[in-house]
């Protein structure tokens, strides 16, 4: 799949991820693909989460924004560390906020909004520690289908 994002949109999303990660040990990724190969996008997000190795963070605090572009399917998947501390309705509230922008065809703005919300929760529960923090996952937008790989 060729990225549906312009270089400027791609750069804006990477910048949003980096900004959100400045104050937290948490890790955020965005994965785009043409169509969701499973009936439920959350199932596919969980699969991509594993394929990208997002479960390998020290505090299990990775978050994946998954978007199947042409079929317009979206999900957010968080690892067990963040899932255990955020309010029960956090993922649904965040997803709804992103989808409000999507409905107005503001896809990058929606993702940026969601990334900011997730970053705030990560900051709250997994604050940055200069002595131990490192960027554990690539910040680039991954693009693909069956075999996700970071965009070069």
Protein backbone atom coordinates (compact mmCIF):
# COMPACT_ATOMS: atom_id res chain seq x y z
CA UNK A 1 0.00 0.00 0.00
CA UNK A 2 1.19 3.48 -0.82
CA UNK A 3 0.63 5.88 2.04
CA UNK A 4 -2.55 7.96 1.73
CA UNK A 5 -0.72 10.73 3.60
CA UNK A 6 1.18 13.58 2.04
CA UNK A 7 4.74 14.02 3.33
CA UNK A 8 3.52 17.01 5.37
CA UNK A 9 0.69 14.98 6.94
CA UNK A 10 3.08 12.14 7.72
CA UNK A 11 5.51 14.59 9.34
CA UNK A 12 2.68 16.18 11.35
CA UNK A 13 1.64 12.80 12.77
CA UNK A 14 5.22 11.84 13.63
CA UNK A 15 5.65 15.24 15.31
CA UNK A 16 2.44 14.67 17.31
CA UNK A 17 3.73 11.27 18.45
CA UNK A 18 7.10 12.72 19.46
CA UNK A 19 5.42 15.60 21.31
CA UNK A 20 3.14 13.21 23.19
CA UNK A 21 6.08 10.99 24.12
CA UNK A 22 8.25 13.87 25.46
CA UNK A 23 6.65 13.69 28.92
CA UNK A 24 6.13 9.92 29.21
CA UNK A 25 7.84 6.58 28.96
CA UNK A 26 4.83 5.43 26.92
CA UNK A 27 5.04 4.62 23.24
CA UNK A 28 2.57 5.51 20.48
CA UNK A 29 2.41 4.16 16.93
CA UNK A 30 0.08 4.75 13.97
CA UNK A 31 -0.54 1.99 11.43
CA UNK A 32 -2.36 2.55 8.13
CA UNK A 33 -3.52 -0.03 5.61
CA UNK A 34 -6.00 -0.15 2.76
CA UNK A 35 -8.54 -2.59 4.15
CA UNK A 36 -9.04 -4.43 7.40
CA UNK A 37 -8.67 -8.17 6.70
CA UNK A 38 -10.73 -9.13 9.77
CA UNK A 39 -14.38 -8.36 10.53
CA UNK A 40 -13.42 -6.45 13.68
CA UNK A 41 -10.77 -3.70 13.39
CA UNK A 42 -9.79 -4.08 17.06
CA UNK A 43 -8.79 -7.70 16.31
CA UNK A 44 -6.63 -6.50 13.44
CA UNK A 45 -5.16 -3.73 15.62
CA UNK A 46 -4.20 -6.36 18.22
CA UNK A 47 -2.56 -8.45 15.49
CA UNK A 48 -0.60 -5.47 14.12
CA UNK A 49 0.32 -4.49 17.70
CA UNK A 50 2.05 -7.85 18.07
CA UNK A 51 3.64 -7.76 14.60
CA UNK A 52 5.16 -4.36 15.41
CA UNK A 53 6.55 -5.70 18.71
CA UNK A 54 4.66 -3.11 20.70
CA UNK A 55 4.25 -5.52 23.62
CA UNK A 56 8.00 -5.40 24.19
CA UNK A 57 8.06 -2.06 26.03
CA UNK A 58 9.44 -2.24 29.57
CA UNK A 59 6.24 -0.95 31.18
CA UNK A 60 3.84 -2.49 28.64
CA UNK A 61 2.53 1.00 27.85
CA UNK A 62 2.37 1.03 24.06
CA UNK A 63 -0.67 2.36 22.19
CA UNK A 64 -1.53 1.70 18.55
CA UNK A 65 -3.84 3.81 16.41
CA UNK A 66 -5.02 1.53 13.59
CA UNK A 67 -6.77 2.86 10.48
CA UNK A 68 -7.92 0.87 7.46
CA UNK A 69 -8.06 3.76 5.02
CA UNK A 70 -10.31 2.66 2.16
CA UNK A 71 -12.74 0.65 4.30
CA UNK A 72 -12.85 3.40 6.92
CA UNK A 73 -12.28 1.17 9.94
CA UNK A 74 -10.53 2.42 13.05
CA UNK A 75 -9.39 1.06 16.40
CA UNK A 76 -7.08 1.94 19.26
CA UNK A 77 -5.19 -0.82 21.05
CA UNK A 78 -3.34 -0.34 24.31
CA UNK A 79 -1.01 -2.76 26.05
CA UNK A 80 -1.76 -4.29 29.46
CA UNK A 81 0.20 -1.65 31.39
CA UNK A 82 -1.87 1.29 30.21
CA UNK A 83 -5.10 -0.73 30.04
CA UNK A 84 -4.76 -1.49 33.74
CA UNK A 85 -4.65 2.18 34.80
CA UNK A 86 -6.82 4.27 32.46
CA UNK A 87 -10.53 4.72 33.25
CA UNK A 88 -12.78 2.01 31.82
CA UNK A 89 -14.31 4.36 29.26
CA UNK A 90 -11.03 6.01 28.18
CA UNK A 91 -10.55 4.10 24.93
CA UNK A 92 -14.16 4.63 23.83
CA UNK A 93 -14.03 8.36 24.67
CA UNK A 94 -10.74 8.72 22.75
CA UNK A 95 -12.06 6.75 19.78
CA UNK A 96 -15.22 8.89 19.69
CA UNK A 97 -13.13 12.10 19.71
CA UNK A 98 -11.04 10.84 16.78
CA UNK A 99 -14.12 9.72 14.85
CA UNK A 100 -15.74 13.17 15.23
CA UNK A 101 -12.87 14.61 13.20
CA UNK A 102 -12.92 11.66 10.78
CA UNK A 103 -16.60 12.31 10.01
CA UNK A 104 -15.55 15.78 8.83
CA UNK A 105 -12.79 14.17 6.72
CA UNK A 106 -10.15 15.61 9.06
CA UNK A 107 -8.20 12.38 9.38
CA UNK A 108 -4.83 13.77 10.42
CA UNK A 109 -6.45 16.18 12.87
CA UNK A 110 -8.43 13.29 14.36
CA UNK A 111 -5.34 11.18 14.82
CA UNK A 112 -3.45 14.15 16.29
CA UNK A 113 -6.32 14.74 18.72
CA UNK A 114 -6.30 11.09 19.81
CA UNK A 115 -2.52 11.03 20.12
CA UNK A 116 -2.67 14.10 22.41
CA UNK A 117 -5.35 12.49 24.60
CA UNK A 118 -3.38 9.26 24.88
CA UNK A 119 -0.20 11.23 25.58
CA UNK A 120 -1.90 12.96 28.51
CA UNK A 121 -2.90 9.63 30.04
CA UNK A 122 0.55 8.17 29.45
CA UNK A 123 2.10 11.25 31.08
CA UNK A 124 -0.18 10.84 34.08
CA UNK A 125 0.47 7.15 34.66
CA UNK A 126 3.91 6.70 33.09
CA UNK A 127 5.82 9.96 33.57
CA UNK A 128 9.11 10.55 31.81
CA UNK A 129 12.19 9.58 33.84
CA UNK A 130 15.38 11.10 32.41
CA UNK A 131 17.50 8.44 34.09
CA UNK A 132 15.78 5.45 32.50
CA UNK A 133 13.57 6.55 29.62
CA UNK A 134 14.42 5.71 26.05
CA UNK A 135 12.41 5.70 22.86
CA UNK A 136 11.58 2.00 22.70
CA UNK A 137 9.56 2.02 19.46
CA UNK A 138 9.94 3.69 16.09
CA UNK A 139 7.83 6.85 15.81
CA UNK A 140 7.29 6.53 12.06
CA UNK A 141 3.90 5.72 10.59
CA UNK A 142 3.76 2.06 9.59
CA UNK A 143 2.08 1.24 6.33
CA UNK A 144 1.01 -2.11 5.07
CA UNK A 145 -1.22 -5.07 4.98
CA UNK A 146 -0.14 -8.51 6.08
CA UNK A 147 3.44 -7.53 6.90
CA UNK A 148 3.56 -4.09 8.55
CA UNK A 149 6.86 -2.35 8.29
CA UNK A 150 8.02 1.12 9.21
CA UNK A 151 7.76 3.66 6.43
CA UNK A 152 11.16 4.65 5.13
